[in-house]
Amino acid sequence: ADMQIALFEQIGLGQWFRYVTGGLEVLCAILLLVPKTAAIGAALLAVTMVGAIATHLFIIGGRPVPAIVLLLMTGAVAWYRRPVSVCGDK
């Protein structure tokens, strides 16, 4: 966890942001486990990954590849778990 503490210090928002981010990720993981809320959980995680990519590109440097892969994965889950119209309209 020392690496995460240093990473969030480098971001500059303080350690409270580490707790918020971790809590959001756990909440989204729980939402992913429930079929009715999987799309919401995946969409929230996708937004989190966009933030992670931006953080890597503009603040801390490094390679954003893991965050990009996770964005693609959560985007796919959100897309395939989106609510389908009862009427069959697309």
PDB file of N, CA and C in Angstrom:
ATOM      1  N   ALA A   1       0.819  -1.200   0.000  1.00  0.00           N
ATOM      2  CA  ALA A   1       0.000   0.000   0.000  1.00  0.00           C
ATOM      3  C   ALA A   1       0.857   1.256   0.000  1.00  0.00           C
ATOM      4  N   ASP A   2       2.143   1.112   0.323  1.00  0.00           N
ATOM      5  CA  ASP A   2       3.019   2.285   0.327  1.00  0.00           C
ATOM      6  C   ASP A   2       3.102   2.919  -1.055  1.00  0.00           C
ATOM      7  N   MET A   3       3.067   2.080  -2.104  1.00  0.00           N
ATOM      8  CA  MET A   3       3.122   2.604  -3.462  1.00  0.00           C
ATOM      9  C   MET A   3       1.862   3.416  -3.771  1.00  0.00           C
ATOM     10  N   GLN A   4       0.704   2.958  -3.316  1.00  0.00           N
ATOM     11  CA  GLN A   4      -0.544   3.679  -3.542  1.00  0.00           C
ATOM     12  C   GLN A   4      -0.564   4.999  -2.772  1.00  0.00           C
ATOM     13  N   ILE A   5      -0.035   4.983  -1.575  1.00  0.00           N
ATOM     14  CA  ILE A   5       0.037   6.212  -0.779  1.00  0.00           C
ATOM     15  C   ILE A   5       0.893   7.245  -1.499  1.00  0.00           C
ATOM     16  N   ALA A   6       2.042   6.816  -2.008  1.00  0.00           N
ATOM     17  CA  ALA A   6       2.928   7.734  -2.739  1.00  0.00           C
ATOM     18  C   ALA A   6       2.273   8.216  -4.030  1.00  0.00           C
ATOM     19  N   LEU A   7       1.559   7.327  -4.707  1.00  0.00           N
ATOM     20  CA  LEU A   7       0.893   7.690  -5.957  1.00  0.00           C
ATOM     21  C   LEU A   7      -0.155   8.770  -5.726  1.00  0.00           C
ATOM     22  N   PHE A   8      -0.977   8.599  -4.708  1.00  0.00           N
ATOM     23  CA  PHE A   8      -2.028   9.581  -4.439  1.00  0.00           C
ATOM     24  C   PHE A   8      -1.454  10.884  -3.880  1.00  0.00           C
ATOM     25  N   GLU A   9      -0.305  10.829  -3.223  1.00  0.00           N
ATOM     26  CA  GLU A   9       0.369  12.062  -2.819  1.00  0.00           C
ATOM     27  C   GLU A   9       0.846  12.824  -4.051  1.00  0.00           C
ATOM     28  N   GLN A  10       1.333  12.086  -5.042  1.00  0.00           N
ATOM     29  CA  GLN A  10       1.803  12.715  -6.275  1.00  0.00           C
ATOM     30  C   GLN A  10       0.643  13.355  -7.040  1.00  0.00           C
ATOM     31  N   ILE A  11      -0.540  12.753  -6.970  1.00  0.00           N
ATOM     32  CA  ILE A  11      -1.715  13.330  -7.636  1.00  0.00           C
ATOM     33  C   ILE A  11      -2.046  14.678  -7.009  1.00  0.00           C
ATOM     34  N   GLY A  12      -1.895  14.780  -5.693  1.00  0.00           N
ATOM     35  CA  GLY A  12      -2.054  16.067  -5.036  1.00  0.00           C
ATOM     36  C   GLY A  12      -3.416  16.330  -4.422  1.00  0.00           C
ATOM     37  N   LEU A  13      -4.303  15.362  -4.427  1.00  0.00           N
ATOM     38  CA  LEU A  13      -5.623  15.577  -3.830  1.00  0.00           C
ATOM     39  C   LEU A  13      -5.715  15.070  -2.402  1.00  0.00           C
ATOM     40  N   GLY A  14      -4.691  14.435  -1.910  1.00  0.00           N
ATOM     41  CA  GLY A  14      -4.704  13.936  -0.543  1.00  0.00           C
ATOM     42  C   GLY A  14      -5.146  12.482  -0.471  1.00  0.00           C
ATOM     43  N   GLN A  15      -4.974  11.921   0.714  1.00  0.00           N
ATOM     44  CA  GLN A  15      -5.289  10.508   0.899  1.00  0.00           C
ATOM     45  C   GLN A  15      -6.791  10.232   0.951  1.00  0.00           C
ATOM     46  N   TRP A  16      -7.602  11.237   1.232  1.00  0.00           N
ATOM     47  CA  TRP A  16      -9.042  11.029   1.227  1.00  0.00           C
ATOM     48  C   TRP A  16      -9.502  10.569  -0.155  1.00  0.00           C
ATOM     49  N   PHE A  17      -8.822  11.041  -1.219  1.00  0.00           N
ATOM     50  CA  PHE A  17      -9.201  10.663  -2.575  1.00  0.00           C
ATOM     51  C   PHE A  17      -8.911   9.188  -2.830  1.00  0.00           C
ATOM     52  N   ARG A  18      -7.892   8.651  -2.184  1.00  0.00           N
ATOM     53  CA  ARG A  18      -7.582   7.221  -2.292  1.00  0.00           C
ATOM     54  C   ARG A  18      -8.725   6.401  -1.706  1.00  0.00           C
ATOM     55  N   TYR A  19      -9.257   6.839  -0.579  1.00  0.00           N
ATOM     56  CA  TYR A  19     -10.377   6.126   0.043  1.00  0.00           C
ATOM     57  C   TYR A  19     -11.649   6.225  -0.806  1.00  0.00           C
ATOM     58  N   VAL A  20     -11.900   7.398  -1.364  1.00  0.00           N
ATOM     59  CA  VAL A  20     -13.081   7.575  -2.216  1.00  0.00           C
ATOM     60  C   VAL A  20     -12.975   6.686  -3.449  1.00  0.00           C
ATOM     61  N   THR A  21     -11.799   6.686  -4.079  1.00  0.00           N
ATOM     62  CA  THR A  21     -11.599   5.871  -5.273  1.00  0.00           C
ATOM     63  C   THR A  21     -11.752   4.388  -4.951  1.00  0.00           C
ATOM     64  N   GLY A  22     -11.149   3.944  -3.883  1.00  0.00           N
ATOM     65  CA  GLY A  22     -11.262   2.538  -3.478  1.00  0.00           C
ATOM     66  C   GLY A  22     -12.691   2.156  -3.145  1.00  0.00           C
ATOM     67  N   GLY A  23     -13.390   3.028  -2.424  1.00  0.00           N
ATOM     68  CA  GLY A  23     -14.795   2.757  -2.093  1.00  0.00           C
ATOM     69  C   GLY A  23     -15.663   2.687  -3.327  1.00  0.00           C
ATOM     70  N   LEU A  24     -15.411   3.575  -4.272  1.00  0.00           N
ATOM     71  CA  LEU A  24     -16.167   3.560  -5.527  1.00  0.00           C
ATOM     72  C   LEU A  24     -15.912   2.277  -6.302  1.00  0.00           C
ATOM     73  N   GLU A  25     -14.668   1.825  -6.336  1.00  0.00           N
ATOM     74  CA  GLU A  25     -14.346   0.587  -7.034  1.00  0.00           C
ATOM     75  C   GLU A  25     -15.007  -0.622  -6.383  1.00  0.00           C
ATOM     76  N   VAL A  26     -15.042  -0.662  -5.058  1.00  0.00           N
ATOM     77  CA  VAL A  26     -15.708  -1.765  -4.363  1.00  0.00           C
ATOM     78  C   VAL A  26     -17.211  -1.723  -4.623  1.00  0.00           C
ATOM     79  N   LEU A  27     -17.817  -0.544  -4.565  1.00  0.00           N
ATOM     80  CA  LEU A  27     -19.239  -0.403  -4.851  1.00  0.00           C
ATOM     81  C   LEU A  27     -19.555  -0.879  -6.265  1.00  0.00           C
ATOM     82  N   CYS A  28     -18.742  -0.479  -7.222  1.00  0.00           N
ATOM     83  CA  CYS A  28     -18.966  -0.896  -8.610  1.00  0.00           C
ATOM     84  C   CYS A  28     -18.804  -2.401  -8.775  1.00  0.00           C
ATOM     85  N   ALA A  29     -17.852  -2.995  -8.064  1.00  0.00           N
ATOM     86  CA  ALA A  29     -17.682  -4.442  -8.128  1.00  0.00           C
ATOM     87  C   ALA A  29     -18.921  -5.161  -7.612  1.00  0.00           C
ATOM     88  N   ILE A  30     -19.512  -4.647  -6.552  1.00  0.00           N
ATOM     89  CA  ILE A  30     -20.750  -5.230  -6.022  1.00  0.00           C
ATOM     90  C   ILE A  30     -21.879  -5.068  -7.026  1.00  0.00           C
ATOM     91  N   LEU A  31     -21.977  -3.888  -7.636  1.00  0.00           N
ATOM     92  CA  LEU A  31     -23.009  -3.656  -8.647  1.00  0.00           C
ATOM     93  C   LEU A  31     -22.838  -4.593  -9.845  1.00  0.00           C
ATOM     94  N   LEU A  32     -21.604  -4.917 -10.194  1.00  0.00           N
ATOM     95  CA  LEU A  32     -21.353  -5.837 -11.301  1.00  0.00           C
ATOM     96  C   LEU A  32     -21.856  -7.249 -11.013  1.00  0.00           C
ATOM     97  N   LEU A  33     -21.910  -7.611  -9.748  1.00  0.00           N
ATOM     98  CA  LEU A  33     -22.352  -8.961  -9.384  1.00  0.00           C
ATOM     99  C   LEU A  33     -23.854  -9.158  -9.504  1.00  0.00           C
ATOM    100  N   VAL A  34     -24.611  -8.072  -9.486  1.00  0.00           N
ATOM    101  CA  VAL A  34     -26.073  -8.142  -9.580  1.00  0.00           C
ATOM    102  C   VAL A  34     -26.453  -7.849 -11.031  1.00  0.00           C
ATOM    103  N   PRO A  35     -27.088  -8.807 -11.715  1.00  0.00           N
ATOM    104  CA  PRO A  35     -27.380  -8.612 -13.138  1.00  0.00           C
ATOM    105  C   PRO A  35     -28.134  -7.321 -13.467  1.00  0.00           C
ATOM    106  N   LYS A  36     -29.085  -6.918 -12.637  1.00  0.00           N
ATOM    107  CA  LYS A  36     -29.858  -5.708 -12.928  1.00  0.00           C
ATOM    108  C   LYS A  36     -29.048  -4.430 -12.806  1.00  0.00           C
ATOM    109  N   THR A  37     -27.980  -4.450 -12.031  1.00  0.00           N
ATOM    110  CA  THR A  37     -27.174  -3.248 -11.814  1.00  0.00           C
ATOM    111  C   THR A  37     -25.795  -3.335 -12.459  1.00  0.00           C
ATOM    112  N   ALA A  38     -25.534  -4.398 -13.217  1.00  0.00           N
ATOM    113  CA  ALA A  38     -24.208  -4.587 -13.821  1.00  0.00           C
ATOM    114  C   ALA A  38     -23.856  -3.463 -14.780  1.00  0.00           C
ATOM    115  N   ALA A  39     -24.819  -2.976 -15.560  1.00  0.00           N
ATOM    116  CA  ALA A  39     -24.531  -1.904 -16.515  1.00  0.00           C
ATOM    117  C   ALA A  39     -24.143  -0.624 -15.791  1.00  0.00           C
ATOM    118  N   ILE A  40     -24.819  -0.328 -14.698  1.00  0.00           N
ATOM    119  CA  ILE A  40     -24.497   0.878 -13.918  1.00  0.00           C
ATOM    120  C   ILE A  40     -23.103   0.756 -13.316  1.00  0.00           C
ATOM    121  N   GLY A  41     -22.808  -0.398 -12.733  1.00  0.00           N
ATOM    122  CA  GLY A  41     -21.488  -0.612 -12.143  1.00  0.00           C
ATOM    123  C   GLY A  41     -20.380  -0.510 -13.173  1.00  0.00           C
ATOM    124  N   ALA A  42     -20.607  -1.101 -14.349  1.00  0.00           N
ATOM    125  CA  ALA A  42     -19.598  -1.044 -15.407  1.00  0.00           C
ATOM    126  C   ALA A  42     -19.426   0.383 -15.925  1.00  0.00           C
ATOM    127  N   ALA A  43     -20.518   1.109 -16.067  1.00  0.00           N
ATOM    128  CA  ALA A  43     -20.428   2.491 -16.545  1.00  0.00           C
ATOM    129  C   ALA A  43     -19.666   3.363 -15.543  1.00  0.00           C
ATOM    130  N   LEU A  44     -19.931   3.184 -14.254  1.00  0.00           N
ATOM    131  CA  LEU A  44     -19.196   3.950 -13.238  1.00  0.00           C
ATOM    132  C   LEU A  44     -17.711   3.601 -13.230  1.00  0.00           C
ATOM    133  N   LEU A  45     -17.409   2.308 -13.418  1.00  0.00           N
ATOM    134  CA  LEU A  45     -16.002   1.920 -13.493  1.00  0.00           C
ATOM    135  C   LEU A  45     -15.345   2.482 -14.744  1.00  0.00           C
ATOM    136  N   ALA A  46     -16.088   2.551 -15.838  1.00  0.00           N
ATOM    137  CA  ALA A  46     -15.540   3.132 -17.067  1.00  0.00           C
ATOM    138  C   ALA A  46     -15.181   4.600 -16.850  1.00  0.00           C
ATOM    139  N   VAL A  47     -16.045   5.327 -16.160  1.00  0.00           N
ATOM    140  CA  VAL A  47     -15.754   6.731 -15.859  1.00  0.00           C
ATOM    141  C   VAL A  47     -14.522   6.837 -14.962  1.00  0.00           C
ATOM    142  N   THR A  48     -14.403   5.924 -14.014  1.00  0.00           N
ATOM    143  CA  THR A  48     -13.234   5.898 -13.134  1.00  0.00           C
ATOM    144  C   THR A  48     -11.963   5.657 -13.947  1.00  0.00           C
ATOM    145  N   MET A  49     -12.038   4.764 -14.931  1.00  0.00           N
ATOM    146  CA  MET A  49     -10.869   4.474 -15.761  1.00  0.00           C
ATOM    147  C   MET A  49     -10.503   5.649 -16.660  1.00  0.00           C
ATOM    148  N   VAL A  50     -11.486   6.410 -17.113  1.00  0.00           N
ATOM    149  CA  VAL A  50     -11.188   7.626 -17.878  1.00  0.00           C
ATOM    150  C   VAL A  50     -10.397   8.593 -16.994  1.00  0.00           C
ATOM    151  N   GLY A  51     -10.800   8.703 -15.748  1.00  0.00           N
ATOM    152  CA  GLY A  51     -10.053   9.538 -14.807  1.00  0.00           C
ATOM    153  C   GLY A  51      -8.643   9.018 -14.571  1.00  0.00           C
ATOM    154  N   ALA A  52      -8.499   7.706 -14.496  1.00  0.00           N
ATOM    155  CA  ALA A  52      -7.167   7.117 -14.306  1.00  0.00           C
ATOM    156  C   ALA A  52      -6.276   7.378 -15.517  1.00  0.00           C
ATOM    157  N   ILE A  53      -6.850   7.266 -16.711  1.00  0.00           N
ATOM    158  CA  ILE A  53      -6.081   7.536 -17.932  1.00  0.00           C
ATOM    159  C   ILE A  53      -5.636   8.993 -17.958  1.00  0.00           C
ATOM    160  N   ALA A  54      -6.553   9.895 -17.662  1.00  0.00           N
ATOM    161  CA  ALA A  54      -6.218  11.324 -17.649  1.00  0.00           C
ATOM    162  C   ALA A  54      -5.148  11.619 -16.604  1.00  0.00           C
ATOM    163  N   THR A  55      -5.236  10.982 -15.456  1.00  0.00           N
ATOM    164  CA  THR A  55      -4.245  11.177 -14.404  1.00  0.00           C
ATOM    165  C   THR A  55      -2.871  10.739 -14.870  1.00  0.00           C
ATOM    166  N   HIS A  56      -2.804   9.581 -15.532  1.00  0.00           N
ATOM    167  CA  HIS A  56      -1.517   9.102 -16.048  1.00  0.00           C
ATOM    168  C   HIS A  56      -0.965  10.036 -17.126  1.00  0.00           C
ATOM    169  N   LEU A  57      -1.834  10.503 -17.998  1.00  0.00           N
ATOM    170  CA  LEU A  57      -1.366  11.322 -19.116  1.00  0.00           C
ATOM    171  C   LEU A  57      -0.947  12.730 -18.698  1.00  0.00           C
ATOM    172  N   PHE A  58      -1.666  13.320 -17.742  1.00  0.00           N
ATOM    173  CA  PHE A  58      -1.453  14.735 -17.452  1.00  0.00           C
ATOM    174  C   PHE A  58      -0.810  15.040 -16.104  1.00  0.00           C
ATOM    175  N   ILE A  59      -0.794  14.095 -15.179  1.00  0.00           N
ATOM    176  CA  ILE A  59      -0.290  14.415 -13.836  1.00  0.00           C
ATOM    177  C   ILE A  59       0.914  13.570 -13.453  1.00  0.00           C
ATOM    178  N   ILE A  60       0.754  12.248 -13.442  1.00  0.00           N
ATOM    179  CA  ILE A  60       1.816  11.416 -12.878  1.00  0.00           C
ATOM    180  C   ILE A  60       2.717  10.772 -13.911  1.00  0.00           C
ATOM    181  N   GLY A  61       2.317  10.800 -15.162  1.00  0.00           N
ATOM    182  CA  GLY A  61       3.120  10.144 -16.186  1.00  0.00           C
ATOM    183  C   GLY A  61       2.936   8.648 -16.127  1.00  0.00           C
ATOM    184  N   GLY A  62       3.832   7.933 -16.743  1.00  0.00           N
ATOM    185  CA  GLY A  62       3.725   6.487 -16.764  1.00  0.00           C
ATOM    186  C   GLY A  62       2.834   6.013 -17.903  1.00  0.00           C
ATOM    187  N   ARG A  63       2.641   4.733 -17.945  1.00  0.00           N
ATOM    188  CA  ARG A  63       1.870   4.127 -19.014  1.00  0.00           C
ATOM    189  C   ARG A  63       0.420   3.928 -18.594  1.00  0.00           C
ATOM    190  N   PRO A  64      -0.530   4.459 -19.345  1.00  0.00           N
ATOM    191  CA  PRO A  64      -1.938   4.283 -19.010  1.00  0.00           C
ATOM    192  C   PRO A  64      -2.542   3.008 -19.598  1.00  0.00           C
ATOM    193  N   VAL A  65      -1.707   2.104 -20.120  1.00  0.00           N
ATOM    194  CA  VAL A  65      -2.223   0.916 -20.812  1.00  0.00           C
ATOM    195  C   VAL A  65      -3.148   0.076 -19.928  1.00  0.00           C
ATOM    196  N   PRO A  66      -2.810  -0.232 -18.671  1.00  0.00           N
ATOM    197  CA  PRO A  66      -3.744  -1.017 -17.860  1.00  0.00           C
ATOM    198  C   PRO A  66      -5.108  -0.338 -17.702  1.00  0.00           C
ATOM    199  N   ALA A  67      -5.105   0.968 -17.518  1.00  0.00           N
ATOM    200  CA  ALA A  67      -6.373   1.687 -17.378  1.00  0.00           C
ATOM    201  C   ALA A  67      -7.154   1.676 -18.690  1.00  0.00           C
ATOM    202  N   ILE A  68      -6.455   1.739 -19.825  1.00  0.00           N
ATOM    203  CA  ILE A  68      -7.134   1.682 -21.118  1.00  0.00           C
ATOM    204  C   ILE A  68      -7.769   0.316 -21.333  1.00  0.00           C
ATOM    205  N   VAL A  69      -7.049  -0.745 -20.983  1.00  0.00           N
ATOM    206  CA  VAL A  69      -7.599  -2.103 -21.118  1.00  0.00           C
ATOM    207  C   VAL A  69      -8.831  -2.264 -20.227  1.00  0.00           C
ATOM    208  N   LEU A  70      -8.741  -1.782 -18.996  1.00  0.00           N
ATOM    209  CA  LEU A  70      -9.892  -1.868 -18.089  1.00  0.00           C
ATOM    210  C   LEU A  70     -11.059  -1.019 -18.587  1.00  0.00           C
ATOM    211  N   LEU A  71     -10.777   0.126 -19.197  1.00  0.00           N
ATOM    212  CA  LEU A  71     -11.834   0.950 -19.779  1.00  0.00           C
ATOM    213  C   LEU A  71     -12.548   0.186 -20.888  1.00  0.00           C
ATOM    214  N   LEU A  72     -11.803  -0.467 -21.756  1.00  0.00           N
ATOM    215  CA  LEU A  72     -12.418  -1.243 -22.837  1.00  0.00           C
ATOM    216  C   LEU A  72     -13.261  -2.397 -22.290  1.00  0.00           C
ATOM    217  N   MET A  73     -12.756  -3.059 -21.263  1.00  0.00           N
ATOM    218  CA  MET A  73     -13.490  -4.180 -20.675  1.00  0.00           C
ATOM    219  C   MET A  73     -14.778  -3.710 -19.997  1.00  0.00           C
ATOM    220  N   THR A  74     -14.686  -2.659 -19.202  1.00  0.00           N
ATOM    221  CA  THR A  74     -15.886  -2.183 -18.510  1.00  0.00           C
ATOM    222  C   THR A  74     -16.865  -1.548 -19.491  1.00  0.00           C
ATOM    223  N   GLY A  75     -16.346  -0.922 -20.534  1.00  0.00           N
ATOM    224  CA  GLY A  75     -17.229  -0.384 -21.573  1.00  0.00           C
ATOM    225  C   GLY A  75     -17.998  -1.480 -22.276  1.00  0.00           C
ATOM    226  N   ALA A  76     -17.332  -2.602 -22.545  1.00  0.00           N
ATOM    227  CA  ALA A  76     -18.011  -3.741 -23.178  1.00  0.00           C
ATOM    228  C   ALA A  76     -19.093  -4.305 -22.264  1.00  0.00           C
ATOM    229  N   VAL A  77     -18.793  -4.441 -20.987  1.00  0.00           N
ATOM    230  CA  VAL A  77     -19.798  -4.949 -20.041  1.00  0.00           C
ATOM    231  C   VAL A  77     -20.982  -3.985 -19.973  1.00  0.00           C
ATOM    232  N   ALA A  78     -20.704  -2.695 -19.892  1.00  0.00           N
ATOM    233  CA  ALA A  78     -21.792  -1.710 -19.834  1.00  0.00           C
ATOM    234  C   ALA A  78     -22.648  -1.783 -21.093  1.00  0.00           C
ATOM    235  N   TRP A  79     -22.019  -1.957 -22.246  1.00  0.00           N
ATOM    236  CA  TRP A  79     -22.756  -2.011 -23.513  1.00  0.00           C
ATOM    237  C   TRP A  79     -23.645  -3.253 -23.583  1.00  0.00           C
ATOM    238  N   TYR A  80     -23.083  -4.405 -23.239  1.00  0.00           N
ATOM    239  CA  TYR A  80     -23.839  -5.647 -23.353  1.00  0.00           C
ATOM    240  C   TYR A  80     -24.852  -5.847 -22.238  1.00  0.00           C
ATOM    241  N   ARG A  81     -24.699  -5.132 -21.144  1.00  0.00           N
ATOM    242  CA  ARG A  81     -25.649  -5.224 -20.033  1.00  0.00           C
ATOM    243  C   ARG A  81     -26.645  -4.073 -20.005  1.00  0.00           C
ATOM    244  N   ARG A  82     -26.615  -3.206 -21.011  1.00  0.00           N
ATOM    245  CA  ARG A  82     -27.537  -2.066 -21.033  1.00  0.00           C
ATOM    246  C   ARG A  82     -28.970  -2.578 -21.138  1.00  0.00           C
ATOM    247  N   PRO A  83     -29.897  -1.820 -20.605  1.00  0.00           N
ATOM    248  CA  PRO A  83     -31.296  -2.237 -20.663  1.00  0.00           C
ATOM    249  C   PRO A  83     -31.777  -2.291 -22.127  1.00  0.00           C
ATOM    250  N   VAL A  84     -32.546  -3.322 -22.430  1.00  0.00           N
ATOM    251  CA  VAL A  84     -33.093  -3.487 -23.762  1.00  0.00           C
ATOM    252  C   VAL A  84     -34.562  -3.078 -23.717  1.00  0.00           C
ATOM    253  N   SER A  85     -34.994  -2.386 -24.747  1.00  0.00           N
ATOM    254  CA  SER A  85     -36.377  -1.930 -24.819  1.00  0.00           C
ATOM    255  C   SER A  85     -37.328  -3.118 -24.904  1.00  0.00           C
ATOM    256  N   VAL A  86     -38.475  -3.018 -24.242  1.00  0.00           N
ATOM    257  CA  VAL A  86     -39.474  -4.084 -24.263  1.00  0.00           C
ATOM    258  C   VAL A  86     -40.091  -4.214 -25.641  1.00  0.00           C
ATOM    259  N   CYS A  87     -40.198  -3.106 -26.350  1.00  0.00           N
ATOM    260  CA  CYS A  87     -40.822  -3.087 -27.671  1.00  0.00           C
ATOM    261  C   CYS A  87     -39.898  -3.621 -28.758  1.00  0.00           C
ATOM    262  N   GLY A  88     -38.653  -3.822 -28.446  1.00  0.00           N
ATOM    263  CA  GLY A  88     -37.705  -4.295 -29.429  1.00  0.00           C
ATOM    264  C   GLY A  88     -37.072  -3.183 -30.243  1.00  0.00           C
ATOM    265  N   ASP A  89     -37.371  -1.912 -29.892  1.00  0.00           N
ATOM    266  CA  ASP A  89     -36.766  -0.794 -30.593  1.00  0.00           C
ATOM    267  C   ASP A  89     -35.288  -0.703 -30.237  1.00  0.00           C
ATOM    268  N   LYS A  90     -34.501  -0.239 -31.190  1.00  0.00           N
ATOM    269  CA  LYS A  90     -33.069  -0.102 -30.921  1.00  0.00           C
ATOM    270  C   LYS A  90     -32.687   1.321 -30.753  1.00  0.00           C
TER     271      LYS A  90
END
